[in-house]
C-alpha cells in the first residue's frame, strides 16, 4: 500500500510538479569586484555647499535670541525657569549655572534645540551651551547656646578672649 505524498508549505514533496521559486532573485557577491569603485555620476544640479557661519555677534543679539527661545519654552515651567536665570558667555561658550543635579538632565533635554536656535538666530555655528553645577555652601544652623556662641566667635574672635578672661560658660 502506497502512502500519499506529504504536503509542505512549498507544495507536495513527491510531486511531478516543479517546486515554486521565490519571486526574489538570489545574487551572490562577486569577490573580484570588491576593491573596484563605482564612479559616482554627477548630477547636473549642484547642491549649494553649506558654509560654516562664523559671523561675529553682539551680546544684545545673543540676549534677544535667548529671550525668544525662552518664550517658546514658557509652557514648560522648569525649562523656562532655567532659561530665565541667564548665562555667562566665554569665547562662544554659553555657561548656564545649575542649582542642583536634577537640572542637568533637564538641560540635556533641550540643549540641542537651544544651541541650534541660537546658532541660526545669531549666525554663528561655534556657539555651544554648557551646564555648570554651582557649588552650594551649606551652613549648619546653630540651635544650642554653645553652637550659637561658636558661630559668633568665628565671626568675632574677641569673644573667645572675653570668655576666657571672665570665665564665662556659654551653656547656662
C-alpha atoms as a PDB file:
ATOM      1  CA  UNK A   1       0.000   0.000   0.000  1.00  0.00           C
ATOM      2  CA  UNK A   2       1.425   3.308  -1.098  1.00  0.00           C
ATOM      3  CA  UNK A   3       1.235   6.357   1.109  1.00  0.00           C
ATOM      4  CA  UNK A   4       0.043   9.640  -0.342  1.00  0.00           C
ATOM      5  CA  UNK A   5       2.743  12.243  -0.861  1.00  0.00           C
ATOM      6  CA  UNK A   6       3.363  14.554   2.123  1.00  0.00           C
ATOM      7  CA  UNK A   7       2.328  18.152   1.786  1.00  0.00           C
ATOM      8  CA  UNK A   8       4.519  21.092   2.799  1.00  0.00           C
ATOM      9  CA  UNK A   9       4.036  24.805   2.542  1.00  0.00           C
ATOM     10  CA  UNK A  10       6.009  24.789  -0.715  1.00  0.00           C
ATOM     11  CA  UNK A  11       3.853  22.014  -2.196  1.00  0.00           C
ATOM     12  CA  UNK A  12       3.946  18.232  -2.340  1.00  0.00           C
ATOM     13  CA  UNK A  13       7.319  16.545  -1.863  1.00  0.00           C
ATOM     14  CA  UNK A  14       6.916  13.611  -4.202  1.00  0.00           C
ATOM     15  CA  UNK A  15       5.089  15.504  -6.875  1.00  0.00           C
ATOM     16  CA  UNK A  16       5.865  15.709 -10.533  1.00  0.00           C
ATOM     17  CA  UNK A  17       5.312  19.495 -10.426  1.00  0.00           C
ATOM     18  CA  UNK A  18       8.475  21.580 -10.286  1.00  0.00           C
ATOM     19  CA  UNK A  19       8.873  23.426  -6.969  1.00  0.00           C
ATOM     20  CA  UNK A  20       7.698  27.048  -6.972  1.00  0.00           C
ATOM     21  CA  UNK A  21      10.532  29.526  -6.985  1.00  0.00           C
ATOM     22  CA  UNK A  22      10.526  32.693  -4.924  1.00  0.00           C
ATOM     23  CA  UNK A  23       9.893  35.870  -6.820  1.00  0.00           C
ATOM     24  CA  UNK A  24      13.136  37.289  -5.391  1.00  0.00           C
ATOM     25  CA  UNK A  25      16.246  36.628  -7.404  1.00  0.00           C
ATOM     26  CA  UNK A  26      19.223  35.452  -5.457  1.00  0.00           C
ATOM     27  CA  UNK A  27      22.560  37.057  -6.108  1.00  0.00           C
ATOM     28  CA  UNK A  28      25.965  36.253  -4.803  1.00  0.00           C
ATOM     29  CA  UNK A  29      28.799  38.598  -4.071  1.00  0.00           C
ATOM     30  CA  UNK A  30      31.434  38.753  -6.773  1.00  0.00           C
ATOM     31  CA  UNK A  31      34.746  38.805  -4.925  1.00  0.00           C
ATOM     32  CA  UNK A  32      36.515  40.170  -7.976  1.00  0.00           C
ATOM     33  CA  UNK A  33      34.603  43.439  -7.720  1.00  0.00           C
ATOM     34  CA  UNK A  34      35.227  44.127  -4.038  1.00  0.00           C
ATOM     35  CA  UNK A  35      38.032  46.624  -4.494  1.00  0.00           C
ATOM     36  CA  UNK A  36      36.617  48.256  -7.610  1.00  0.00           C
ATOM     37  CA  UNK A  37      34.962  51.570  -7.008  1.00  0.00           C
ATOM     38  CA  UNK A  38      31.879  52.676  -8.829  1.00  0.00           C
ATOM     39  CA  UNK A  39      32.260  56.160 -10.265  1.00  0.00           C
ATOM     40  CA  UNK A  40      29.690  58.493  -8.824  1.00  0.00           C
ATOM     41  CA  UNK A  41      27.689  60.150 -11.520  1.00  0.00           C
ATOM     42  CA  UNK A  42      27.495  63.867 -11.054  1.00  0.00           C
ATOM     43  CA  UNK A  43      24.089  65.330 -11.459  1.00  0.00           C
ATOM     44  CA  UNK A  44      23.538  68.446 -13.467  1.00  0.00           C
ATOM     45  CA  UNK A  45      22.167  70.187 -10.373  1.00  0.00           C
ATOM     46  CA  UNK A  46      24.893  71.125  -7.968  1.00  0.00           C
ATOM     47  CA  UNK A  47      23.884  71.385  -4.358  1.00  0.00           C
ATOM     48  CA  UNK A  48      24.929  74.587  -2.658  1.00  0.00           C
ATOM     49  CA  UNK A  49      27.767  73.998  -0.250  1.00  0.00           C
ATOM     50  CA  UNK A  50      26.939  74.671   3.345  1.00  0.00           C
ATOM     51  CA  UNK A  51      29.379  77.183   4.659  1.00  0.00           C
ATOM     52  CA  UNK A  52      30.161  77.415   8.324  1.00  0.00           C
ATOM     53  CA  UNK A  53      28.688  80.589   9.665  1.00  0.00           C
ATOM     54  CA  UNK A  54      31.155  82.287  11.960  1.00  0.00           C
ATOM     55  CA  UNK A  55      29.699  85.758  11.927  1.00  0.00           C
ATOM     56  CA  UNK A  56      30.626  87.852  14.930  1.00  0.00           C
ATOM     57  CA  UNK A  57      27.688  88.833  17.098  1.00  0.00           C
ATOM     58  CA  UNK A  58      26.928  91.283  19.837  1.00  0.00           C
ATOM     59  CA  UNK A  59      25.777  90.432  23.312  1.00  0.00           C
ATOM     60  CA  UNK A  60      22.468  92.189  22.593  1.00  0.00           C
ATOM     61  CA  UNK A  61      21.796  89.907  19.599  1.00  0.00           C
ATOM     62  CA  UNK A  62      22.534  86.849  21.685  1.00  0.00           C
ATOM     63  CA  UNK A  63      20.405  88.105  24.569  1.00  0.00           C
ATOM     64  CA  UNK A  64      17.466  88.726  22.206  1.00  0.00           C
ATOM     65  CA  UNK A  65      17.800  85.223  20.699  1.00  0.00           C
ATOM     66  CA  UNK A  66      17.987  83.766  24.225  1.00  0.00           C
ATOM     67  CA  UNK A  67      14.818  85.641  25.210  1.00  0.00           C
ATOM     68  CA  UNK A  68      12.983  84.423  22.091  1.00  0.00           C
ATOM     69  CA  UNK A  69      13.888  80.810  22.850  1.00  0.00           C
ATOM     70  CA  UNK A  70      12.800  81.234  26.472  1.00  0.00           C
ATOM     71  CA  UNK A  71       9.431  82.496  25.240  1.00  0.00           C
ATOM     72  CA  UNK A  72       8.961  79.303  23.208  1.00  0.00           C
ATOM     73  CA  UNK A  73       9.536  77.263  26.382  1.00  0.00           C
ATOM     74  CA  UNK A  74       7.049  79.166  28.532  1.00  0.00           C
ATOM     75  CA  UNK A  75       4.732  76.131  28.670  1.00  0.00           C
ATOM     76  CA  UNK A  76       7.469  74.012  30.267  1.00  0.00           C
ATOM     77  CA  UNK A  77       7.809  75.757  33.627  1.00  0.00           C
ATOM     78  CA  UNK A  78      11.072  74.110  34.729  1.00  0.00           C
ATOM     79  CA  UNK A  79      12.804  74.837  31.415  1.00  0.00           C
ATOM     80  CA  UNK A  80      11.548  78.426  31.379  1.00  0.00           C
ATOM     81  CA  UNK A  81      12.781  78.906  34.950  1.00  0.00           C
ATOM     82  CA  UNK A  82      16.212  77.570  33.996  1.00  0.00           C
ATOM     83  CA  UNK A  83      16.375  79.838  30.943  1.00  0.00           C
ATOM     84  CA  UNK A  84      15.247  82.893  32.899  1.00  0.00           C
ATOM     85  CA  UNK A  85      18.392  82.760  35.053  1.00  0.00           C
ATOM     86  CA  UNK A  86      20.544  83.815  32.153  1.00  0.00           C
ATOM     87  CA  UNK A  87      24.001  82.704  31.111  1.00  0.00           C
ATOM     88  CA  UNK A  88      27.674  83.591  31.172  1.00  0.00           C
ATOM     89  CA  UNK A  89      29.451  83.980  27.824  1.00  0.00           C
ATOM     90  CA  UNK A  90      33.084  82.878  27.476  1.00  0.00           C
ATOM     91  CA  UNK A  91      34.516  82.589  23.937  1.00  0.00           C
ATOM     92  CA  UNK A  92      31.264  81.488  22.226  1.00  0.00           C
ATOM     93  CA  UNK A  93      30.527  79.101  25.097  1.00  0.00           C
ATOM     94  CA  UNK A  94      27.344  79.852  26.998  1.00  0.00           C
ATOM     95  CA  UNK A  95      27.568  78.596  30.563  1.00  0.00           C
ATOM     96  CA  UNK A  96      24.291  78.059  32.388  1.00  0.00           C
ATOM     97  CA  UNK A  97      24.575  77.768  36.156  1.00  0.00           C
ATOM     98  CA  UNK A  98      22.657  74.804  37.513  1.00  0.00           C
ATOM     99  CA  UNK A  99      21.419  74.959  41.100  1.00  0.00           C
ATOM    100  CA  UNK A 100      21.202  71.195  41.639  1.00  0.00           C
ATOM    101  CA  UNK A 101      21.969  67.913  39.871  1.00  0.00           C
ATOM    102  CA  UNK A 102      18.314  67.461  38.871  1.00  0.00           C
ATOM    103  CA  UNK A 103      18.660  70.297  36.369  1.00  0.00           C
ATOM    104  CA  UNK A 104      21.412  68.510  34.395  1.00  0.00           C
ATOM    105  CA  UNK A 105      19.079  66.068  32.571  1.00  0.00           C
ATOM    106  CA  UNK A 106      16.569  68.890  32.136  1.00  0.00           C
ATOM    107  CA  UNK A 107      19.174  70.982  30.316  1.00  0.00           C
ATOM    108  CA  UNK A 108      20.328  67.954  28.319  1.00  0.00           C
ATOM    109  CA  UNK A 109      16.754  67.526  27.088  1.00  0.00           C
ATOM    110  CA  UNK A 110      16.624  70.879  25.319  1.00  0.00           C
ATOM    111  CA  UNK A 111      20.309  71.749  24.869  1.00  0.00           C
ATOM    112  CA  UNK A 112      20.417  70.753  21.190  1.00  0.00           C
ATOM    113  CA  UNK A 113      17.270  72.737  20.410  1.00  0.00           C
ATOM    114  CA  UNK A 114      18.677  75.761  22.229  1.00  0.00           C
ATOM    115  CA  UNK A 115      22.059  75.509  20.513  1.00  0.00           C
ATOM    116  CA  UNK A 116      20.507  75.138  17.068  1.00  0.00           C
ATOM    117  CA  UNK A 117      18.123  78.039  17.680  1.00  0.00           C
ATOM    118  CA  UNK A 118      20.897  80.353  18.878  1.00  0.00           C
ATOM    119  CA  UNK A 119      23.216  79.397  16.021  1.00  0.00           C
ATOM    120  CA  UNK A 120      20.530  80.167  13.449  1.00  0.00           C
ATOM    121  CA  UNK A 121      19.395  83.447  15.002  1.00  0.00           C
ATOM    122  CA  UNK A 122      22.877  84.818  15.648  1.00  0.00           C
ATOM    123  CA  UNK A 123      24.536  83.313  12.553  1.00  0.00           C
ATOM    124  CA  UNK A 124      27.454  81.644  14.298  1.00  0.00           C
ATOM    125  CA  UNK A 125      27.989  77.871  14.301  1.00  0.00           C
ATOM    126  CA  UNK A 126      30.631  77.918  17.015  1.00  0.00           C
ATOM    127  CA  UNK A 127      28.190  78.644  19.840  1.00  0.00           C
ATOM    128  CA  UNK A 128      27.923  75.872  22.420  1.00  0.00           C
ATOM    129  CA  UNK A 129      25.765  75.572  25.526  1.00  0.00           C
ATOM    130  CA  UNK A 130      27.177  74.019  28.685  1.00  0.00           C
ATOM    131  CA  UNK A 131      25.646  73.471  32.103  1.00  0.00           C
ATOM    132  CA  UNK A 132      27.801  74.012  35.163  1.00  0.00           C
ATOM    133  CA  UNK A 133      26.745  72.855  38.607  1.00  0.00           C
ATOM    134  CA  UNK A 134      27.108  75.675  41.081  1.00  0.00           C
ATOM    135  CA  UNK A 135      28.832  74.809  44.330  1.00  0.00           C
ATOM    136  CA  UNK A 136      26.365  75.104  47.159  1.00  0.00           C
ATOM    137  CA  UNK A 137      27.685  76.048  50.564  1.00  0.00           C
ATOM    138  CA  UNK A 138      25.525  74.579  53.266  1.00  0.00           C
ATOM    139  CA  UNK A 139      25.758  76.365  56.569  1.00  0.00           C
ATOM    140  CA  UNK A 140      24.984  74.484  59.698  1.00  0.00           C
ATOM    141  CA  UNK A 141      22.244  76.043  61.755  1.00  0.00           C
ATOM    142  CA  UNK A 142      23.156  76.878  65.346  1.00  0.00           C
ATOM    143  CA  UNK A 143      20.478  75.596  67.703  1.00  0.00           C
ATOM    144  CA  UNK A 144      22.045  75.307  71.155  1.00  0.00           C
ATOM    145  CA  UNK A 145      23.629  78.119  73.142  1.00  0.00           C
ATOM    146  CA  UNK A 146      27.081  76.570  72.682  1.00  0.00           C
ATOM    147  CA  UNK A 147      26.633  76.343  68.876  1.00  0.00           C
ATOM    148  CA  UNK A 148      25.399  79.934  68.778  1.00  0.00           C
ATOM    149  CA  UNK A 149      28.409  81.127  70.768  1.00  0.00           C
ATOM    150  CA  UNK A 150      30.830  79.213  68.496  1.00  0.00           C
ATOM    151  CA  UNK A 151      29.211  80.732  65.394  1.00  0.00           C
ATOM    152  CA  UNK A 152      29.517  84.238  66.855  1.00  0.00           C
ATOM    153  CA  UNK A 153      33.106  83.541  67.947  1.00  0.00           C
ATOM    154  CA  UNK A 154      34.024  82.586  64.356  1.00  0.00           C
ATOM    155  CA  UNK A 155      32.843  85.986  63.202  1.00  0.00           C
ATOM    156  CA  UNK A 156      34.435  87.859  66.130  1.00  0.00           C
ATOM    157  CA  UNK A 157      37.382  86.081  67.836  1.00  0.00           C
ATOM    158  CA  UNK A 158      37.460  88.671  70.638  1.00  0.00           C
ATOM    159  CA  UNK A 159      34.504  86.834  72.200  1.00  0.00           C
ATOM    160  CA  UNK A 160      36.787  83.861  72.960  1.00  0.00           C
ATOM    161  CA  UNK A 161      39.193  86.164  74.806  1.00  0.00           C
ATOM    162  CA  UNK A 162      36.311  87.637  76.829  1.00  0.00           C
ATOM    163  CA  UNK A 163      35.024  84.165  77.666  1.00  0.00           C
ATOM    164  CA  UNK A 164      38.449  83.096  78.968  1.00  0.00           C
ATOM    165  CA  UNK A 165      39.134  86.384  80.785  1.00  0.00           C
ATOM    166  CA  UNK A 166      35.828  86.416  82.677  1.00  0.00           C
ATOM    167  CA  UNK A 167      35.460  82.633  82.939  1.00  0.00           C
ATOM    168  CA  UNK A 168      32.104  82.580  81.205  1.00  0.00           C
ATOM    169  CA  UNK A 169      30.267  79.415  80.230  1.00  0.00           C
ATOM    170  CA  UNK A 170      28.069  79.619  77.116  1.00  0.00           C
ATOM    171  CA  UNK A 171      25.919  76.706  78.344  1.00  0.00           C
ATOM    172  CA  UNK A 172      23.870  78.268  81.129  1.00  0.00           C
END
